[in-house]
């Protein structure tokens, strides 16, 4: 799976949220000032080339559908971040965010509760 650019990720987030959509639908999801239609169309073409979306023709336009699931993309690239920046240790990653005050003690307790519930299954 090829890594997406920041702009491609932003467009994919909109596609994932809508499922099937047209370029005009994606443009409408952006806040003002909206990017040009042609820019978004070009990004979607790249996403199709990379295998992230499929296209179905409707007259002179295309409807795009995600092929790669958002959860699959997250799993692949979060694993890469952990491997490359945190010595392949999720503990190191969580510790980093705690030290940087990006995660609260309450959030950590909630995470522990989730882990313990999964272990009880």
C-alpha atoms as a PDB file:
ATOM      1  CA  UNK A   1       0.000   0.000   0.000  1.00  0.00           C
ATOM      2  CA  UNK A   2       1.492   3.293  -1.115  1.00  0.00           C
ATOM      3  CA  UNK A   3       1.654   6.149   1.414  1.00  0.00           C
ATOM      4  CA  UNK A   4      -0.664   9.047   0.637  1.00  0.00           C
ATOM      5  CA  UNK A   5       0.312  12.697   0.551  1.00  0.00           C
ATOM      6  CA  UNK A   6      -1.341  15.065   3.022  1.00  0.00           C
ATOM      7  CA  UNK A   7      -3.708  16.298   0.292  1.00  0.00           C
ATOM      8  CA  UNK A   8      -4.549  12.735  -0.755  1.00  0.00           C
ATOM      9  CA  UNK A   9      -5.249  11.754   2.853  1.00  0.00           C
ATOM     10  CA  UNK A  10      -7.548  14.742   3.257  1.00  0.00           C
ATOM     11  CA  UNK A  11      -9.510  13.781   0.134  1.00  0.00           C
ATOM     12  CA  UNK A  12      -9.606  10.103   1.197  1.00  0.00           C
ATOM     13  CA  UNK A  13     -11.052  11.091   4.584  1.00  0.00           C
ATOM     14  CA  UNK A  14     -13.955  12.721   2.747  1.00  0.00           C
ATOM     15  CA  UNK A  15     -14.364   9.716   0.452  1.00  0.00           C
ATOM     16  CA  UNK A  16     -14.339   7.327   3.416  1.00  0.00           C
ATOM     17  CA  UNK A  17     -16.963   9.421   5.198  1.00  0.00           C
ATOM     18  CA  UNK A  18     -19.290   9.412   2.161  1.00  0.00           C
ATOM     19  CA  UNK A  19     -18.638   6.005   0.603  1.00  0.00           C
ATOM     20  CA  UNK A  20     -19.699   6.499  -3.002  1.00  0.00           C
ATOM     21  CA  UNK A  21     -19.265  10.070  -4.214  1.00  0.00           C
ATOM     22  CA  UNK A  22     -18.498  12.391  -7.090  1.00  0.00           C
ATOM     23  CA  UNK A  23     -15.721  14.990  -7.199  1.00  0.00           C
ATOM     24  CA  UNK A  24     -18.301  17.753  -6.641  1.00  0.00           C
ATOM     25  CA  UNK A  25     -19.370  16.002  -3.403  1.00  0.00           C
ATOM     26  CA  UNK A  26     -15.771  15.934  -2.195  1.00  0.00           C
ATOM     27  CA  UNK A  27     -15.243  19.615  -3.013  1.00  0.00           C
ATOM     28  CA  UNK A  28     -18.429  20.443  -1.073  1.00  0.00           C
ATOM     29  CA  UNK A  29     -16.998  18.788   2.069  1.00  0.00           C
ATOM     30  CA  UNK A  30     -14.050  21.204   2.225  1.00  0.00           C
ATOM     31  CA  UNK A  31     -14.315  24.374   4.301  1.00  0.00           C
ATOM     32  CA  UNK A  32     -14.026  27.771   2.625  1.00  0.00           C
ATOM     33  CA  UNK A  33     -12.017  28.604   0.675  1.00  0.00           C
ATOM     34  CA  UNK A  34     -12.736  25.386  -1.187  1.00  0.00           C
ATOM     35  CA  UNK A  35     -10.025  23.924  -3.411  1.00  0.00           C
ATOM     36  CA  UNK A  36     -10.603  24.121  -7.172  1.00  0.00           C
ATOM     37  CA  UNK A  37     -12.627  21.289  -8.687  1.00  0.00           C
ATOM     38  CA  UNK A  38      -9.741  20.475 -11.046  1.00  0.00           C
ATOM     39  CA  UNK A  39      -7.307  20.104  -8.136  1.00  0.00           C
ATOM     40  CA  UNK A  40      -9.585  17.659  -6.325  1.00  0.00           C
ATOM     41  CA  UNK A  41     -10.220  15.773  -9.582  1.00  0.00           C
ATOM     42  CA  UNK A  42      -6.466  15.426 -10.088  1.00  0.00           C
ATOM     43  CA  UNK A  43      -5.997  14.134  -6.524  1.00  0.00           C
ATOM     44  CA  UNK A  44      -8.802  11.597  -7.002  1.00  0.00           C
ATOM     45  CA  UNK A  45      -7.162  10.441 -10.246  1.00  0.00           C
ATOM     46  CA  UNK A  46      -3.958   9.821  -8.265  1.00  0.00           C
ATOM     47  CA  UNK A  47      -5.948   7.903  -5.635  1.00  0.00           C
ATOM     48  CA  UNK A  48      -7.402   5.728  -8.400  1.00  0.00           C
ATOM     49  CA  UNK A  49      -3.925   5.110  -9.854  1.00  0.00           C
ATOM     50  CA  UNK A  50      -2.661   4.125  -6.381  1.00  0.00           C
ATOM     51  CA  UNK A  51      -5.562   1.675  -5.963  1.00  0.00           C
ATOM     52  CA  UNK A  52      -7.399   3.494  -3.178  1.00  0.00           C
ATOM     53  CA  UNK A  53     -10.620   4.122  -5.130  1.00  0.00           C
ATOM     54  CA  UNK A  54     -12.480   2.697  -8.084  1.00  0.00           C
ATOM     55  CA  UNK A  55     -14.435   4.731 -10.613  1.00  0.00           C
ATOM     56  CA  UNK A  56     -17.768   4.025 -12.280  1.00  0.00           C
ATOM     57  CA  UNK A  57     -18.727   6.189 -15.245  1.00  0.00           C
ATOM     58  CA  UNK A  58     -22.045   8.056 -15.214  1.00  0.00           C
ATOM     59  CA  UNK A  59     -22.413  10.077 -18.414  1.00  0.00           C
ATOM     60  CA  UNK A  60     -19.493  12.486 -18.489  1.00  0.00           C
ATOM     61  CA  UNK A  61     -18.577  12.104 -14.816  1.00  0.00           C
ATOM     62  CA  UNK A  62     -17.351   9.376 -12.483  1.00  0.00           C
ATOM     63  CA  UNK A  63     -18.564   8.062  -9.161  1.00  0.00           C
ATOM     64  CA  UNK A  64     -15.737   7.046  -6.836  1.00  0.00           C
ATOM     65  CA  UNK A  65     -15.837   4.298  -4.230  1.00  0.00           C
ATOM     66  CA  UNK A  66     -13.127   3.519  -1.674  1.00  0.00           C
ATOM     67  CA  UNK A  67     -11.316   0.219  -2.187  1.00  0.00           C
ATOM     68  CA  UNK A  68      -8.985   0.460   0.804  1.00  0.00           C
ATOM     69  CA  UNK A  69     -10.747   0.590   4.175  1.00  0.00           C
ATOM     70  CA  UNK A  70      -9.851   3.453   6.490  1.00  0.00           C
ATOM     71  CA  UNK A  71      -9.028   0.997   9.285  1.00  0.00           C
ATOM     72  CA  UNK A  72      -6.644  -0.890   6.985  1.00  0.00           C
ATOM     73  CA  UNK A  73      -4.855   2.339   6.036  1.00  0.00           C
ATOM     74  CA  UNK A  74      -4.555   3.420   9.678  1.00  0.00           C
ATOM     75  CA  UNK A  75      -3.236   0.017  10.769  1.00  0.00           C
ATOM     76  CA  UNK A  76      -0.581  -0.016   8.036  1.00  0.00           C
ATOM     77  CA  UNK A  77       0.742   3.493   8.549  1.00  0.00           C
ATOM     78  CA  UNK A  78       0.427   3.736  12.331  1.00  0.00           C
ATOM     79  CA  UNK A  79       2.464   0.535  12.511  1.00  0.00           C
ATOM     80  CA  UNK A  80       5.085   2.214  10.330  1.00  0.00           C
ATOM     81  CA  UNK A  81       5.216   5.281  12.576  1.00  0.00           C
ATOM     82  CA  UNK A  82       5.604   3.091  15.656  1.00  0.00           C
ATOM     83  CA  UNK A  83       8.314   1.017  13.965  1.00  0.00           C
ATOM     84  CA  UNK A  84      10.240   4.015  12.575  1.00  0.00           C
ATOM     85  CA  UNK A  85       9.898   6.558  15.384  1.00  0.00           C
ATOM     86  CA  UNK A  86       9.263   4.554  18.555  1.00  0.00           C
ATOM     87  CA  UNK A  87      11.561   1.518  18.201  1.00  0.00           C
ATOM     88  CA  UNK A  88       8.569  -0.687  17.311  1.00  0.00           C
ATOM     89  CA  UNK A  89       7.116  -0.071  20.784  1.00  0.00           C
ATOM     90  CA  UNK A  90       3.567   1.151  21.339  1.00  0.00           C
ATOM     91  CA  UNK A  91       4.532   1.682  24.970  1.00  0.00           C
ATOM     92  CA  UNK A  92       7.219   4.149  23.817  1.00  0.00           C
ATOM     93  CA  UNK A  93       4.665   5.919  21.637  1.00  0.00           C
ATOM     94  CA  UNK A  94       2.116   6.294  24.430  1.00  0.00           C
ATOM     95  CA  UNK A  95       4.882   7.406  26.804  1.00  0.00           C
ATOM     96  CA  UNK A  96       5.950  10.064  24.285  1.00  0.00           C
ATOM     97  CA  UNK A  97       2.417  11.458  24.040  1.00  0.00           C
ATOM     98  CA  UNK A  98       2.033  11.437  27.824  1.00  0.00           C
ATOM     99  CA  UNK A  99       5.316  13.337  28.264  1.00  0.00           C
ATOM    100  CA  UNK A 100       4.273  15.836  25.582  1.00  0.00           C
ATOM    101  CA  UNK A 101       0.931  16.238  27.408  1.00  0.00           C
ATOM    102  CA  UNK A 102      -0.962  15.163  24.279  1.00  0.00           C
ATOM    103  CA  UNK A 103      -2.809  12.469  26.234  1.00  0.00           C
ATOM    104  CA  UNK A 104      -4.341  12.868  29.667  1.00  0.00           C
ATOM    105  CA  UNK A 105      -4.331  10.507  32.633  1.00  0.00           C
ATOM    106  CA  UNK A 106      -8.071  10.033  32.079  1.00  0.00           C
ATOM    107  CA  UNK A 107      -7.444   9.029  28.460  1.00  0.00           C
ATOM    108  CA  UNK A 108      -4.779   6.556  29.590  1.00  0.00           C
ATOM    109  CA  UNK A 109      -7.181   5.034  32.123  1.00  0.00           C
ATOM    110  CA  UNK A 110      -9.816   4.705  29.382  1.00  0.00           C
ATOM    111  CA  UNK A 111      -7.271   2.947  27.161  1.00  0.00           C
ATOM    112  CA  UNK A 112      -6.361   0.555  29.981  1.00  0.00           C
ATOM    113  CA  UNK A 113     -10.068  -0.173  30.541  1.00  0.00           C
ATOM    114  CA  UNK A 114     -10.491  -0.972  26.825  1.00  0.00           C
ATOM    115  CA  UNK A 115      -7.478  -3.297  26.885  1.00  0.00           C
ATOM    116  CA  UNK A 116      -8.720  -5.087  30.002  1.00  0.00           C
ATOM    117  CA  UNK A 117     -12.190  -5.543  28.476  1.00  0.00           C
ATOM    118  CA  UNK A 118     -10.622  -7.101  25.363  1.00  0.00           C
ATOM    119  CA  UNK A 119      -8.530  -9.466  27.532  1.00  0.00           C
ATOM    120  CA  UNK A 120     -11.687 -10.616  29.362  1.00  0.00           C
ATOM    121  CA  UNK A 121     -13.312 -11.773  26.101  1.00  0.00           C
END
